[in-house]
Amino acid sequence: MLLPAKSEVARQLRHYRAWERSMLASPTDVTVRTTFEDSGYTLCVLMGKRCAREAADAAERYLRTNLLTHAQERAERAERLSPTGHKTPSGAA
């Protein structure tokens, strides 16, 4: 399993948080909003998430853990999913 470099995750997370603050300060600025959304998309791609907020949370967790712990957590989550990608009742396959 390929994992992103922690330095790149940290850089992208800082970028996302900085644009998030700018967007909250100037919500009507189209340029700021577009750049914020672009930074969220980049973080989603990097972390394999569909939502920027989930990607930011995943990035923070990833930066707090070592590689082995992160890989184990991803494997456990994958085991809880059925082949169709939907969660199975009570975790059964």
C-alpha atoms as a PDB file:
ATOM      1  CA  MET A   1       0.000   0.000   0.000  1.00  0.00           C
ATOM      2  CA  LEU A   2       1.368   3.378  -0.993  1.00  0.00           C
ATOM      3  CA  LEU A   3       1.102   6.121   1.584  1.00  0.00           C
ATOM      4  CA  PRO A   4       1.791   9.800   0.968  1.00  0.00           C
ATOM      5  CA  ALA A   5       4.897  11.394   2.416  1.00  0.00           C
ATOM      6  CA  LYS A   6       4.149  12.926   5.788  1.00  0.00           C
ATOM      7  CA  SER A   7       5.934  16.113   4.762  1.00  0.00           C
ATOM      8  CA  GLU A   8       3.576  16.501   1.782  1.00  0.00           C
ATOM      9  CA  VAL A   9       0.508  15.756   3.913  1.00  0.00           C
ATOM     10  CA  ALA A  10       1.641  18.341   6.459  1.00  0.00           C
ATOM     11  CA  ARG A  11       2.265  20.919   3.712  1.00  0.00           C
ATOM     12  CA  GLN A  12      -1.123  20.369   2.099  1.00  0.00           C
ATOM     13  CA  LEU A  13      -2.912  20.414   5.469  1.00  0.00           C
ATOM     14  CA  ARG A  14      -1.253  23.756   6.353  1.00  0.00           C
ATOM     15  CA  HIS A  15      -2.253  25.092   2.930  1.00  0.00           C
ATOM     16  CA  TYR A  16      -5.864  23.933   3.406  1.00  0.00           C
ATOM     17  CA  ARG A  17      -6.118  25.411   6.937  1.00  0.00           C
ATOM     18  CA  ALA A  18      -4.662  28.758   5.804  1.00  0.00           C
ATOM     19  CA  TRP A  19      -7.194  29.043   2.966  1.00  0.00           C
ATOM     20  CA  GLU A  20      -9.951  27.918   5.318  1.00  0.00           C
ATOM     21  CA  ARG A  21      -9.155  30.862   7.614  1.00  0.00           C
ATOM     22  CA  SER A  22      -9.063  33.223   4.631  1.00  0.00           C
ATOM     23  CA  MET A  23     -12.380  31.917   3.348  1.00  0.00           C
ATOM     24  CA  LEU A  24     -14.014  32.345   6.752  1.00  0.00           C
ATOM     25  CA  ALA A  25     -12.697  35.909   6.897  1.00  0.00           C
ATOM     26  CA  SER A  26     -13.872  36.725   3.343  1.00  0.00           C
ATOM     27  CA  PRO A  27     -16.695  34.323   2.409  1.00  0.00           C
ATOM     28  CA  THR A  28     -17.837  36.409  -0.565  1.00  0.00           C
ATOM     29  CA  ASP A  29     -14.404  36.585  -2.218  1.00  0.00           C
ATOM     30  CA  VAL A  30     -14.683  34.242  -5.200  1.00  0.00           C
ATOM     31  CA  THR A  31     -10.925  33.867  -5.616  1.00  0.00           C
ATOM     32  CA  VAL A  32     -10.434  32.916  -1.970  1.00  0.00           C
ATOM     33  CA  ARG A  33     -13.348  30.456  -2.069  1.00  0.00           C
ATOM     34  CA  THR A  34     -12.076  28.836  -5.280  1.00  0.00           C
ATOM     35  CA  THR A  35      -8.556  28.453  -3.918  1.00  0.00           C
ATOM     36  CA  PHE A  36      -9.929  27.042  -0.648  1.00  0.00           C
ATOM     37  CA  GLU A  37     -12.011  24.499  -2.569  1.00  0.00           C
ATOM     38  CA  ASP A  38      -9.001  23.582  -4.716  1.00  0.00           C
ATOM     39  CA  SER A  39      -6.871  23.012  -1.628  1.00  0.00           C
ATOM     40  CA  GLY A  40      -9.627  20.818  -0.182  1.00  0.00           C
ATOM     41  CA  TYR A  41      -9.770  18.782  -3.380  1.00  0.00           C
ATOM     42  CA  THR A  42      -6.001  18.271  -3.312  1.00  0.00           C
ATOM     43  CA  LEU A  43      -6.194  17.072   0.285  1.00  0.00           C
ATOM     44  CA  CYS A  44      -9.058  14.696  -0.653  1.00  0.00           C
ATOM     45  CA  VAL A  45      -7.007  13.140  -3.442  1.00  0.00           C
ATOM     46  CA  LEU A  46      -3.950  12.847  -1.223  1.00  0.00           C
ATOM     47  CA  MET A  47      -5.855  11.204   1.639  1.00  0.00           C
ATOM     48  CA  GLY A  48      -8.305   9.161  -0.438  1.00  0.00           C
ATOM     49  CA  LYS A  49     -11.421  10.874   0.943  1.00  0.00           C
ATOM     50  CA  ARG A  50     -14.479  12.381  -0.745  1.00  0.00           C
ATOM     51  CA  CYS A  51     -15.012  15.252   1.689  1.00  0.00           C
ATOM     52  CA  ALA A  52     -12.430  17.931   2.518  1.00  0.00           C
ATOM     53  CA  ARG A  53     -13.342  17.898   6.212  1.00  0.00           C
ATOM     54  CA  GLU A  54     -12.838  14.109   6.339  1.00  0.00           C
ATOM     55  CA  ALA A  55      -9.565  14.495   4.439  1.00  0.00           C
ATOM     56  CA  ALA A  56      -8.314  17.103   6.913  1.00  0.00           C
ATOM     57  CA  ASP A  57      -9.248  14.848   9.845  1.00  0.00           C
ATOM     58  CA  ALA A  58      -7.553  11.886   8.158  1.00  0.00           C
ATOM     59  CA  ALA A  59      -4.443  13.983   7.504  1.00  0.00           C
ATOM     60  CA  GLU A  60      -4.258  15.034  11.150  1.00  0.00           C
ATOM     61  CA  ARG A  61      -4.647  11.415  12.294  1.00  0.00           C
ATOM     62  CA  TYR A  62      -2.031  10.273   9.778  1.00  0.00           C
ATOM     63  CA  LEU A  63       0.461  12.871  10.975  1.00  0.00           C
ATOM     64  CA  ARG A  64      -0.050  11.728  14.580  1.00  0.00           C
ATOM     65  CA  THR A  65       0.513   8.041  13.817  1.00  0.00           C
ATOM     66  CA  ASN A  66       3.372   6.003  12.481  1.00  0.00           C
ATOM     67  CA  LEU A  67       3.122   4.219   9.116  1.00  0.00           C
ATOM     68  CA  LEU A  68       2.313   0.807  10.588  1.00  0.00           C
ATOM     69  CA  THR A  69      -0.557   2.110  12.712  1.00  0.00           C
ATOM     70  CA  HIS A  70      -2.024   3.991   9.748  1.00  0.00           C
ATOM     71  CA  ALA A  71      -1.828   0.931   7.487  1.00  0.00           C
ATOM     72  CA  GLN A  72      -3.466  -1.231  10.159  1.00  0.00           C
ATOM     73  CA  GLU A  73      -6.325   1.249  10.613  1.00  0.00           C
ATOM     74  CA  ARG A  74      -6.946   1.370   6.845  1.00  0.00           C
ATOM     75  CA  ALA A  75      -6.905  -2.436   6.625  1.00  0.00           C
ATOM     76  CA  GLU A  76      -9.391  -2.717   9.503  1.00  0.00           C
ATOM     77  CA  ARG A  77     -11.738  -0.232   7.838  1.00  0.00           C
ATOM     78  CA  ALA A  78     -11.461  -2.125   4.543  1.00  0.00           C
ATOM     79  CA  GLU A  79     -12.341  -5.391   6.289  1.00  0.00           C
ATOM     80  CA  ARG A  80     -15.566  -3.837   7.610  1.00  0.00           C
ATOM     81  CA  LEU A  81     -16.701  -3.039   4.081  1.00  0.00           C
ATOM     82  CA  SER A  82     -18.396  -5.561   1.857  1.00  0.00           C
ATOM     83  CA  PRO A  83     -17.202  -6.120  -1.742  1.00  0.00           C
ATOM     84  CA  THR A  84     -19.831  -3.628  -2.953  1.00  0.00           C
ATOM     85  CA  GLY A  85     -18.308  -0.881  -0.816  1.00  0.00           C
ATOM     86  CA  HIS A  86     -21.261  -0.682   1.597  1.00  0.00           C
ATOM     87  CA  LYS A  87     -20.969  -1.277   5.280  1.00  0.00           C
ATOM     88  CA  THR A  88     -22.249  -4.648   6.313  1.00  0.00           C
ATOM     89  CA  PRO A  89     -24.658  -5.109   9.235  1.00  0.00           C
ATOM     90  CA  SER A  90     -22.859  -5.575  12.532  1.00  0.00           C
ATOM     91  CA  GLY A  91     -19.508  -5.721  10.759  1.00  0.00           C
ATOM     92  CA  ALA A  92     -20.212  -9.169   9.275  1.00  0.00           C
ATOM     93  CA  ALA A  93     -18.933  -9.900   5.776  1.00  0.00           C
END
